[in-house]
Amino acid sequence: MTVPICLCGSKNFEFLLEGDFSYLTVNGNPIHFQALKCLNCGIVVTNPPPSDDYIFAEEIDPYGEALLTEEMWSHISAIYKMRRLKPYLNSSTRLLEIGCSTGKLVEMASRAGIAESIGLEKSEKKVALGRLLDRNIIDKYLHECNFPSNYFDISCCTFKL
């Protein structure tokens, strides 16, 4: 494992859990990971961080098959996130997912009956697929959206450094 560094610059973490992504592999081997919570700001990170070895980039797949794999990964990830978010969701909740890929969490949260669920994504192909599936995805960066302060009750972000 690498020595993680949080976005806030801290290297101090609390161990939360670890396991294997059996459905995500590198060279046929499952990816082992840890989930760590920053003791300075509370952000949860994975160790090791995402890598191009197992992130499905459309740049390497001109036929769109990686997008189908990305949709499968988004579905599994969204199920996990929805289980964690369920106690905080109600009919007035507004959720923002930054880096939403094809927007599966956005769709699931919307189906759960919350007030609003929006995803931000900059990959044109992922945005196109998400919109084709009728998901509320904006193809802008957060600072370009001009959302009012405190507009969202829940925001989550998936990114790679």
N, C-alpha and C. Protein backbone atom coordinates (compact mmCIF):
# COMPACT_ATOMS: atom_id res chain seq x y z
N MET A 1 0.84 -1.18 0.00
CA MET A 1 0.00 0.00 0.00
C MET A 1 0.88 1.24 0.00
N THR A 2 0.34 2.29 -0.56
CA THR A 2 1.04 3.57 -0.59
C THR A 2 0.79 4.33 0.70
N VAL A 3 1.52 5.39 0.92
CA VAL A 3 1.25 6.28 2.05
C VAL A 3 0.31 7.36 1.51
N PRO A 4 -0.96 7.32 1.92
CA PRO A 4 -1.92 8.28 1.36
C PRO A 4 -1.71 9.69 1.90
N ILE A 5 -2.08 10.65 1.07
CA ILE A 5 -2.10 12.05 1.45
C ILE A 5 -3.48 12.58 1.12
N CYS A 6 -4.14 13.18 2.08
CA CYS A 6 -5.48 13.72 1.88
C CYS A 6 -5.42 15.00 1.05
N LEU A 7 -6.55 15.39 0.51
CA LEU A 7 -6.63 16.66 -0.22
C LEU A 7 -6.24 17.84 0.65
N CYS A 8 -6.46 17.72 1.96
CA CYS A 8 -6.11 18.81 2.87
C CYS A 8 -4.61 18.81 3.19
N GLY A 9 -3.88 17.78 2.75
CA GLY A 9 -2.45 17.71 2.98
C GLY A 9 -2.05 16.81 4.15
N SER A 10 -3.01 16.35 4.92
CA SER A 10 -2.73 15.51 6.08
C SER A 10 -2.32 14.10 5.66
N LYS A 11 -1.50 13.48 6.50
CA LYS A 11 -1.12 12.08 6.32
C LYS A 11 -1.61 11.24 7.49
N ASN A 12 -2.49 11.81 8.30
CA ASN A 12 -3.01 11.13 9.48
C ASN A 12 -4.42 10.62 9.22
N PHE A 13 -4.59 9.30 9.30
CA PHE A 13 -5.86 8.67 8.97
C PHE A 13 -6.29 7.69 10.04
N GLU A 14 -7.60 7.49 10.11
CA GLU A 14 -8.20 6.45 10.93
C GLU A 14 -8.60 5.31 9.99
N PHE A 15 -8.23 4.08 10.30
CA PHE A 15 -8.58 2.93 9.50
C PHE A 15 -10.07 2.64 9.66
N LEU A 16 -10.81 2.48 8.54
CA LEU A 16 -12.22 2.16 8.59
C LEU A 16 -12.50 0.71 8.21
N LEU A 17 -11.99 0.28 7.06
CA LEU A 17 -12.21 -1.08 6.61
C LEU A 17 -11.23 -1.42 5.50
N GLU A 18 -11.14 -2.71 5.18
CA GLU A 18 -10.34 -3.12 4.03
C GLU A 18 -10.98 -4.35 3.41
N GLY A 19 -10.62 -4.59 2.17
CA GLY A 19 -11.18 -5.73 1.46
C GLY A 19 -10.59 -5.83 0.07
N ASP A 20 -11.21 -6.68 -0.74
CA ASP A 20 -10.78 -6.89 -2.11
C ASP A 20 -11.92 -6.54 -3.06
N PHE A 21 -11.61 -5.82 -4.12
CA PHE A 21 -12.55 -5.61 -5.20
C PHE A 21 -12.46 -6.84 -6.10
N SER A 22 -13.22 -7.87 -5.82
CA SER A 22 -13.11 -9.11 -6.59
C SER A 22 -13.60 -8.93 -8.01
N TYR A 23 -14.45 -7.94 -8.25
CA TYR A 23 -14.98 -7.69 -9.59
C TYR A 23 -14.11 -6.71 -10.37
N LEU A 24 -13.10 -6.14 -9.74
CA LEU A 24 -12.13 -5.26 -10.39
C LEU A 24 -10.76 -5.88 -10.23
N THR A 25 -10.09 -6.16 -11.33
CA THR A 25 -8.82 -6.84 -11.22
C THR A 25 -7.74 -6.13 -12.02
N VAL A 26 -6.48 -6.38 -11.64
CA VAL A 26 -5.31 -5.96 -12.40
C VAL A 26 -4.52 -7.23 -12.65
N ASN A 27 -4.28 -7.53 -13.92
CA ASN A 27 -3.59 -8.76 -14.30
C ASN A 27 -4.24 -10.00 -13.70
N GLY A 28 -5.58 -9.99 -13.62
CA GLY A 28 -6.32 -11.14 -13.11
C GLY A 28 -6.39 -11.24 -11.60
N ASN A 29 -5.77 -10.34 -10.87
CA ASN A 29 -5.78 -10.37 -9.41
C ASN A 29 -6.72 -9.31 -8.86
N PRO A 30 -7.52 -9.67 -7.83
CA PRO A 30 -8.40 -8.66 -7.24
C PRO A 30 -7.59 -7.53 -6.62
N ILE A 31 -8.16 -6.35 -6.61
CA ILE A 31 -7.49 -5.18 -6.05
C ILE A 31 -7.81 -5.11 -4.55
N HIS A 32 -6.77 -5.13 -3.74
CA HIS A 32 -6.93 -4.99 -2.30
C HIS A 32 -6.94 -3.50 -1.96
N PHE A 33 -7.80 -3.10 -1.05
CA PHE A 33 -7.90 -1.68 -0.72
C PHE A 33 -8.17 -1.51 0.77
N GLN A 34 -7.93 -0.29 1.24
CA GLN A 34 -8.32 0.15 2.58
C GLN A 34 -9.14 1.42 2.41
N ALA A 35 -10.11 1.61 3.28
CA ALA A 35 -10.83 2.88 3.38
C ALA A 35 -10.32 3.57 4.64
N LEU A 36 -9.85 4.81 4.49
CA LEU A 36 -9.25 5.55 5.58
C LEU A 36 -9.93 6.91 5.72
N LYS A 37 -10.17 7.33 6.94
CA LYS A 37 -10.79 8.63 7.21
C LYS A 37 -9.72 9.59 7.71
N CYS A 38 -9.61 10.75 7.04
CA CYS A 38 -8.64 11.76 7.43
C CYS A 38 -9.00 12.30 8.82
N LEU A 39 -8.02 12.31 9.71
CA LEU A 39 -8.25 12.82 11.07
C LEU A 39 -8.30 14.34 11.12
N ASN A 40 -7.87 15.00 10.04
CA ASN A 40 -7.89 16.45 10.00
C ASN A 40 -9.21 17.00 9.47
N CYS A 41 -9.69 16.46 8.33
CA CYS A 41 -10.88 17.04 7.70
C CYS A 41 -12.06 16.08 7.56
N GLY A 42 -11.83 14.78 7.79
CA GLY A 42 -12.93 13.83 7.74
C GLY A 42 -13.21 13.19 6.39
N ILE A 43 -12.48 13.58 5.35
CA ILE A 43 -12.66 12.97 4.03
C ILE A 43 -12.23 11.50 4.10
N VAL A 44 -12.99 10.63 3.45
CA VAL A 44 -12.63 9.22 3.38
C VAL A 44 -11.96 8.96 2.03
N VAL A 45 -10.80 8.30 2.08
CA VAL A 45 -10.04 8.00 0.87
C VAL A 45 -9.81 6.50 0.78
N THR A 46 -9.53 6.03 -0.43
CA THR A 46 -9.13 4.64 -0.59
C THR A 46 -7.63 4.57 -0.75
N ASN A 47 -7.07 3.50 -0.22
CA ASN A 47 -5.65 3.24 -0.33
C ASN A 47 -5.47 1.83 -0.84
N PRO A 48 -4.92 1.62 -2.03
CA PRO A 48 -4.31 2.62 -2.90
C PRO A 48 -5.37 3.47 -3.59
N PRO A 49 -4.96 4.67 -4.03
CA PRO A 49 -5.90 5.50 -4.77
C PRO A 49 -6.20 4.89 -6.13
N PRO A 50 -7.27 5.32 -6.80
CA PRO A 50 -7.58 4.79 -8.13
C PRO A 50 -6.40 4.92 -9.08
N SER A 51 -6.29 3.98 -9.98
CA SER A 51 -5.18 3.93 -10.92
C SER A 51 -5.70 3.68 -12.32
N ASP A 52 -4.98 4.16 -13.32
CA ASP A 52 -5.36 3.90 -14.70
C ASP A 52 -5.30 2.42 -15.03
N ASP A 53 -4.66 1.60 -14.19
CA ASP A 53 -4.63 0.17 -14.43
C ASP A 53 -6.02 -0.45 -14.32
N TYR A 54 -6.90 0.17 -13.51
CA TYR A 54 -8.24 -0.39 -13.37
C TYR A 54 -9.37 0.61 -13.50
N ILE A 55 -9.07 1.85 -13.76
CA ILE A 55 -10.12 2.81 -14.10
C ILE A 55 -10.38 2.67 -15.59
N PHE A 56 -11.63 2.57 -15.95
CA PHE A 56 -11.99 2.26 -17.32
C PHE A 56 -12.08 3.54 -18.14
N ALA A 57 -11.03 3.87 -18.84
CA ALA A 57 -10.96 5.12 -19.59
C ALA A 57 -11.45 4.91 -21.01
N GLU A 58 -12.37 5.77 -21.46
CA GLU A 58 -12.90 5.62 -22.80
C GLU A 58 -11.84 5.89 -23.87
N GLU A 59 -10.75 6.57 -23.48
CA GLU A 59 -9.70 6.85 -24.44
C GLU A 59 -9.03 5.58 -24.96
N ILE A 60 -9.05 4.50 -24.19
CA ILE A 60 -8.42 3.26 -24.63
C ILE A 60 -9.41 2.31 -25.28
N ASP A 61 -10.66 2.69 -25.38
CA ASP A 61 -11.67 1.81 -25.94
C ASP A 61 -12.58 2.60 -26.88
N PRO A 62 -12.19 2.71 -28.16
CA PRO A 62 -12.98 3.52 -29.09
C PRO A 62 -14.35 2.93 -29.42
N TYR A 63 -14.63 1.68 -29.02
CA TYR A 63 -15.90 1.04 -29.35
C TYR A 63 -16.94 1.12 -28.24
N GLY A 64 -16.58 1.75 -27.13
CA GLY A 64 -17.56 1.96 -26.07
C GLY A 64 -17.70 0.82 -25.08
N GLU A 65 -16.95 -0.28 -25.23
CA GLU A 65 -17.09 -1.39 -24.30
C GLU A 65 -16.67 -0.98 -22.88
N ALA A 66 -15.70 -0.10 -22.78
CA ALA A 66 -15.28 0.36 -21.45
C ALA A 66 -16.40 1.12 -20.77
N LEU A 67 -17.25 1.79 -21.52
CA LEU A 67 -18.38 2.49 -20.91
C LEU A 67 -19.37 1.50 -20.31
N LEU A 68 -19.54 0.35 -20.95
CA LEU A 68 -20.42 -0.67 -20.38
C LEU A 68 -19.84 -1.20 -19.08
N THR A 69 -18.52 -1.41 -19.05
CA THR A 69 -17.85 -1.84 -17.83
C THR A 69 -17.94 -0.73 -16.78
N GLU A 70 -17.77 0.51 -17.19
CA GLU A 70 -17.90 1.65 -16.28
C GLU A 70 -19.30 1.70 -15.69
N GLU A 71 -20.31 1.42 -16.49
CA GLU A 71 -21.70 1.42 -16.00
C GLU A 71 -21.88 0.32 -14.96
N MET A 72 -21.27 -0.85 -15.18
CA MET A 72 -21.34 -1.93 -14.20
C MET A 72 -20.67 -1.49 -12.89
N TRP A 73 -19.49 -0.90 -12.99
CA TRP A 73 -18.78 -0.40 -11.81
C TRP A 73 -19.60 0.68 -11.12
N SER A 74 -20.20 1.59 -11.89
CA SER A 74 -21.03 2.66 -11.31
C SER A 74 -22.22 2.08 -10.56
N HIS A 75 -22.80 1.03 -11.10
CA HIS A 75 -23.95 0.38 -10.47
C HIS A 75 -23.56 -0.20 -9.11
N ILE A 76 -22.46 -0.94 -9.06
CA ILE A 76 -22.00 -1.55 -7.81
C ILE A 76 -21.64 -0.46 -6.79
N SER A 77 -20.95 0.55 -7.25
CA SER A 77 -20.57 1.66 -6.38
C SER A 77 -21.80 2.40 -5.86
N ALA A 78 -22.78 2.62 -6.73
CA ALA A 78 -24.00 3.34 -6.34
C ALA A 78 -24.80 2.56 -5.30
N ILE A 79 -24.85 1.24 -5.42
CA ILE A 79 -25.55 0.43 -4.42
C ILE A 79 -24.89 0.63 -3.05
N TYR A 80 -23.56 0.57 -3.02
CA TYR A 80 -22.83 0.77 -1.77
C TYR A 80 -23.12 2.16 -1.20
N LYS A 81 -23.03 3.19 -2.03
CA LYS A 81 -23.25 4.56 -1.57
C LYS A 81 -24.68 4.76 -1.08
N MET A 82 -25.65 4.18 -1.78
CA MET A 82 -27.05 4.33 -1.36
C MET A 82 -27.29 3.68 -0.01
N ARG A 83 -26.67 2.55 0.25
CA ARG A 83 -26.81 1.92 1.56
C ARG A 83 -26.27 2.83 2.66
N ARG A 84 -25.15 3.50 2.39
CA ARG A 84 -24.56 4.40 3.38
C ARG A 84 -25.38 5.68 3.54
N LEU A 85 -25.98 6.16 2.45
CA LEU A 85 -26.71 7.43 2.48
C LEU A 85 -28.16 7.29 2.95
N LYS A 86 -28.71 6.10 2.88
CA LYS A 86 -30.14 5.88 3.15
C LYS A 86 -30.66 6.58 4.41
N PRO A 87 -29.94 6.54 5.55
CA PRO A 87 -30.47 7.21 6.75
C PRO A 87 -30.61 8.73 6.60
N TYR A 88 -29.94 9.31 5.61
CA TYR A 88 -29.93 10.76 5.46
C TYR A 88 -30.83 11.26 4.34
N LEU A 89 -31.50 10.33 3.66
CA LEU A 89 -32.34 10.71 2.52
C LEU A 89 -33.79 10.85 2.93
N ASN A 90 -34.40 11.93 2.47
CA ASN A 90 -35.84 12.12 2.66
C ASN A 90 -36.37 12.96 1.50
N SER A 91 -37.62 13.29 1.53
CA SER A 91 -38.25 13.97 0.39
C SER A 91 -37.73 15.39 0.16
N SER A 92 -36.97 15.95 1.12
CA SER A 92 -36.44 17.30 0.92
C SER A 92 -34.93 17.31 0.63
N THR A 93 -34.30 16.15 0.58
CA THR A 93 -32.85 16.05 0.39
C THR A 93 -32.45 16.45 -1.03
N ARG A 94 -31.37 17.24 -1.11
CA ARG A 94 -30.74 17.57 -2.40
C ARG A 94 -29.33 16.97 -2.39
N LEU A 95 -29.03 16.18 -3.42
CA LEU A 95 -27.75 15.47 -3.50
C LEU A 95 -26.98 15.92 -4.73
N LEU A 96 -25.68 16.10 -4.57
CA LEU A 96 -24.78 16.41 -5.67
C LEU A 96 -23.67 15.39 -5.68
N GLU A 97 -23.44 14.76 -6.84
CA GLU A 97 -22.31 13.86 -7.00
C GLU A 97 -21.35 14.47 -8.02
N ILE A 98 -20.14 14.76 -7.57
CA ILE A 98 -19.11 15.34 -8.43
C ILE A 98 -18.28 14.20 -8.99
N GLY A 99 -18.14 14.15 -10.30
CA GLY A 99 -17.46 13.02 -10.94
C GLY A 99 -18.39 11.82 -10.97
N CYS A 100 -19.59 12.01 -11.48
CA CYS A 100 -20.65 11.01 -11.38
C CYS A 100 -20.57 9.90 -12.42
N SER A 101 -19.59 9.95 -13.31
CA SER A 101 -19.47 8.95 -14.38
C SER A 101 -20.75 8.97 -15.21
N THR A 102 -21.44 7.84 -15.29
CA THR A 102 -22.67 7.78 -16.09
C THR A 102 -23.91 8.12 -15.27
N GLY A 103 -23.72 8.45 -13.97
CA GLY A 103 -24.82 8.95 -13.15
C GLY A 103 -25.72 7.92 -12.50
N LYS A 104 -25.22 6.73 -12.24
CA LYS A 104 -26.06 5.71 -11.63
C LYS A 104 -26.52 6.10 -10.23
N LEU A 105 -25.63 6.68 -9.41
CA LEU A 105 -26.05 7.13 -8.08
C LEU A 105 -27.10 8.23 -8.19
N VAL A 106 -26.92 9.12 -9.14
CA VAL A 106 -27.89 10.20 -9.38
C VAL A 106 -29.27 9.60 -9.65
N GLU A 107 -29.30 8.56 -10.49
CA GLU A 107 -30.57 7.89 -10.81
C GLU A 107 -31.16 7.19 -9.58
N MET A 108 -30.34 6.43 -8.86
CA MET A 108 -30.84 5.71 -7.69
C MET A 108 -31.38 6.65 -6.62
N ALA A 109 -30.67 7.74 -6.38
CA ALA A 109 -31.12 8.71 -5.38
C ALA A 109 -32.43 9.35 -5.81
N SER A 110 -32.55 9.65 -7.08
CA SER A 110 -33.79 10.22 -7.59
C SER A 110 -34.96 9.25 -7.41
N ARG A 111 -34.71 7.99 -7.71
CA ARG A 111 -35.76 6.96 -7.54
C ARG A 111 -36.14 6.77 -6.08
N ALA A 112 -35.23 7.11 -5.16
CA ALA A 112 -35.51 6.98 -3.74
C ALA A 112 -36.46 8.07 -3.25
N GLY A 113 -36.78 9.02 -4.12
CA GLY A 113 -37.77 10.04 -3.79
C GLY A 113 -37.22 11.30 -3.16
N ILE A 114 -35.95 11.59 -3.37
CA ILE A 114 -35.41 12.83 -2.81
C ILE A 114 -35.83 14.02 -3.68
N ALA A 115 -35.65 15.21 -3.15
CA ALA A 115 -36.09 16.42 -3.86
C ALA A 115 -35.32 16.64 -5.15
N GLU A 116 -33.99 16.46 -5.11
CA GLU A 116 -33.18 16.73 -6.30
C GLU A 116 -31.89 15.93 -6.24
N SER A 117 -31.49 15.40 -7.38
CA SER A 117 -30.26 14.62 -7.49
C SER A 117 -29.56 15.05 -8.78
N ILE A 118 -28.34 15.60 -8.63
CA ILE A 118 -27.60 16.13 -9.78
C ILE A 118 -26.20 15.54 -9.79
N GLY A 119 -25.72 15.21 -10.97
CA GLY A 119 -24.35 14.73 -11.13
C GLY A 119 -23.56 15.69 -12.01
N LEU A 120 -22.27 15.83 -11.71
CA LEU A 120 -21.35 16.61 -12.53
C LEU A 120 -20.34 15.65 -13.14
N GLU A 121 -20.08 15.79 -14.43
CA GLU A 121 -19.12 14.92 -15.12
C GLU A 121 -18.57 15.66 -16.32
N LYS A 122 -17.26 15.51 -16.56
CA LYS A 122 -16.62 16.20 -17.70
C LYS A 122 -16.34 15.28 -18.88
N SER A 123 -16.46 13.98 -18.72
CA SER A 123 -16.24 13.06 -19.84
C SER A 123 -17.46 13.11 -20.77
N GLU A 124 -17.26 13.56 -21.99
CA GLU A 124 -18.37 13.70 -22.93
C GLU A 124 -19.09 12.38 -23.16
N LYS A 125 -18.36 11.28 -23.27
CA LYS A 125 -18.98 9.98 -23.54
C LYS A 125 -19.80 9.50 -22.34
N LYS A 126 -19.30 9.72 -21.14
CA LYS A 126 -20.05 9.31 -19.94
C LYS A 126 -21.30 10.17 -19.77
N VAL A 127 -21.18 11.46 -20.04
CA VAL A 127 -22.33 12.35 -19.97
C VAL A 127 -23.38 11.92 -21.00
N ALA A 128 -22.94 11.62 -22.20
CA ALA A 128 -23.87 11.21 -23.27
C ALA A 128 -24.61 9.93 -22.88
N LEU A 129 -23.88 8.95 -22.35
CA LEU A 129 -24.53 7.70 -21.94
C LEU A 129 -25.49 7.95 -20.78
N GLY A 130 -25.08 8.73 -19.79
CA GLY A 130 -25.95 9.04 -18.66
C GLY A 130 -27.21 9.76 -19.08
N ARG A 131 -27.09 10.69 -19.98
CA ARG A 131 -28.27 11.42 -20.46
C ARG A 131 -29.17 10.52 -21.30
N LEU A 132 -28.56 9.62 -22.06
CA LEU A 132 -29.34 8.65 -22.83
C LEU A 132 -30.19 7.81 -21.88
N LEU A 133 -29.67 7.56 -20.68
CA LEU A 133 -30.39 6.79 -19.67
C LEU A 133 -31.25 7.70 -18.78
N ASP A 134 -31.44 8.95 -19.20
CA ASP A 134 -32.32 9.93 -18.55
C ASP A 134 -31.87 10.30 -17.14
N ARG A 135 -30.55 10.47 -16.97
CA ARG A 135 -30.00 10.87 -15.68
C ARG A 135 -29.64 12.34 -15.71
N ASN A 136 -29.79 13.01 -14.58
CA ASN A 136 -29.60 14.45 -14.47
C ASN A 136 -28.10 14.76 -14.30
N ILE A 137 -27.40 14.91 -15.42
CA ILE A 137 -25.96 15.14 -15.41
C ILE A 137 -25.65 16.47 -16.08
N ILE A 138 -24.80 17.25 -15.42
CA ILE A 138 -24.34 18.53 -15.97
C ILE A 138 -22.88 18.36 -16.37
N ASP A 139 -22.54 18.79 -17.57
CA ASP A 139 -21.15 18.64 -18.05
C ASP A 139 -20.35 19.92 -17.82
N LYS A 140 -20.23 20.27 -16.54
CA LYS A 140 -19.46 21.44 -16.12
C LYS A 140 -18.67 21.10 -14.88
N TYR A 141 -17.68 21.94 -14.57
CA TYR A 141 -16.99 21.86 -13.30
C TYR A 141 -17.85 22.53 -12.24
N LEU A 142 -17.64 22.17 -10.98
CA LEU A 142 -18.45 22.70 -9.89
C LEU A 142 -18.44 24.23 -9.86
N HIS A 143 -17.26 24.84 -10.02
CA HIS A 143 -17.18 26.30 -9.92
C HIS A 143 -17.92 27.01 -11.07
N GLU A 144 -18.22 26.29 -12.15
CA GLU A 144 -18.95 26.87 -13.28
C GLU A 144 -20.46 26.83 -13.08
N CYS A 145 -20.94 26.07 -12.10
CA CYS A 145 -22.38 25.85 -11.93
C CYS A 145 -23.10 26.95 -11.16
N ASN A 146 -22.38 27.67 -10.31
CA ASN A 146 -22.97 28.76 -9.53
C ASN A 146 -24.18 28.33 -8.69
N PHE A 147 -24.08 27.16 -8.05
CA PHE A 147 -25.14 26.75 -7.14
C PHE A 147 -25.13 27.69 -5.94
N PRO A 148 -26.29 27.99 -5.37
CA PRO A 148 -26.32 28.83 -4.17
C PRO A 148 -25.59 28.16 -3.01
N SER A 149 -25.06 28.95 -2.10
CA SER A 149 -24.41 28.40 -0.90
C SER A 149 -25.39 27.53 -0.14
N ASN A 150 -24.90 26.44 0.40
CA ASN A 150 -25.70 25.51 1.21
C ASN A 150 -26.91 24.94 0.47
N TYR A 151 -26.84 24.87 -0.84
CA TYR A 151 -27.96 24.35 -1.63
C TYR A 151 -28.14 22.85 -1.44
N PHE A 152 -27.03 22.12 -1.38
CA PHE A 152 -27.10 20.67 -1.29
C PHE A 152 -26.98 20.19 0.15
N ASP A 153 -27.75 19.18 0.48
CA ASP A 153 -27.67 18.55 1.80
C ASP A 153 -26.54 17.53 1.83
N ILE A 154 -26.32 16.86 0.70
CA ILE A 154 -25.30 15.82 0.59
C ILE A 154 -24.51 16.07 -0.68
N SER A 155 -23.20 16.04 -0.56
CA SER A 155 -22.36 16.06 -1.75
C SER A 155 -21.33 14.96 -1.61
N CYS A 156 -21.06 14.30 -2.71
CA CYS A 156 -20.04 13.26 -2.70
C CYS A 156 -19.19 13.41 -3.96
N CYS A 157 -17.99 12.89 -3.88
CA CYS A 157 -17.05 13.10 -4.97
C CYS A 157 -16.21 11.85 -5.16
N THR A 158 -16.05 11.46 -6.40
CA THR A 158 -15.15 10.38 -6.75
C THR A 158 -14.17 10.96 -7.75
N PHE A 159 -12.90 10.80 -7.48
CA PHE A 159 -11.90 11.40 -8.36
C PHE A 159 -10.63 10.58 -8.33
N LYS A 160 -9.76 10.84 -9.26
CA LYS A 160 -8.42 10.24 -9.23
C LYS A 160 -7.41 11.35 -9.35
N LEU A 161 -6.31 11.16 -8.66
CA LEU A 161 -5.26 12.18 -8.69
C LEU A 161 -4.29 11.88 -9.78
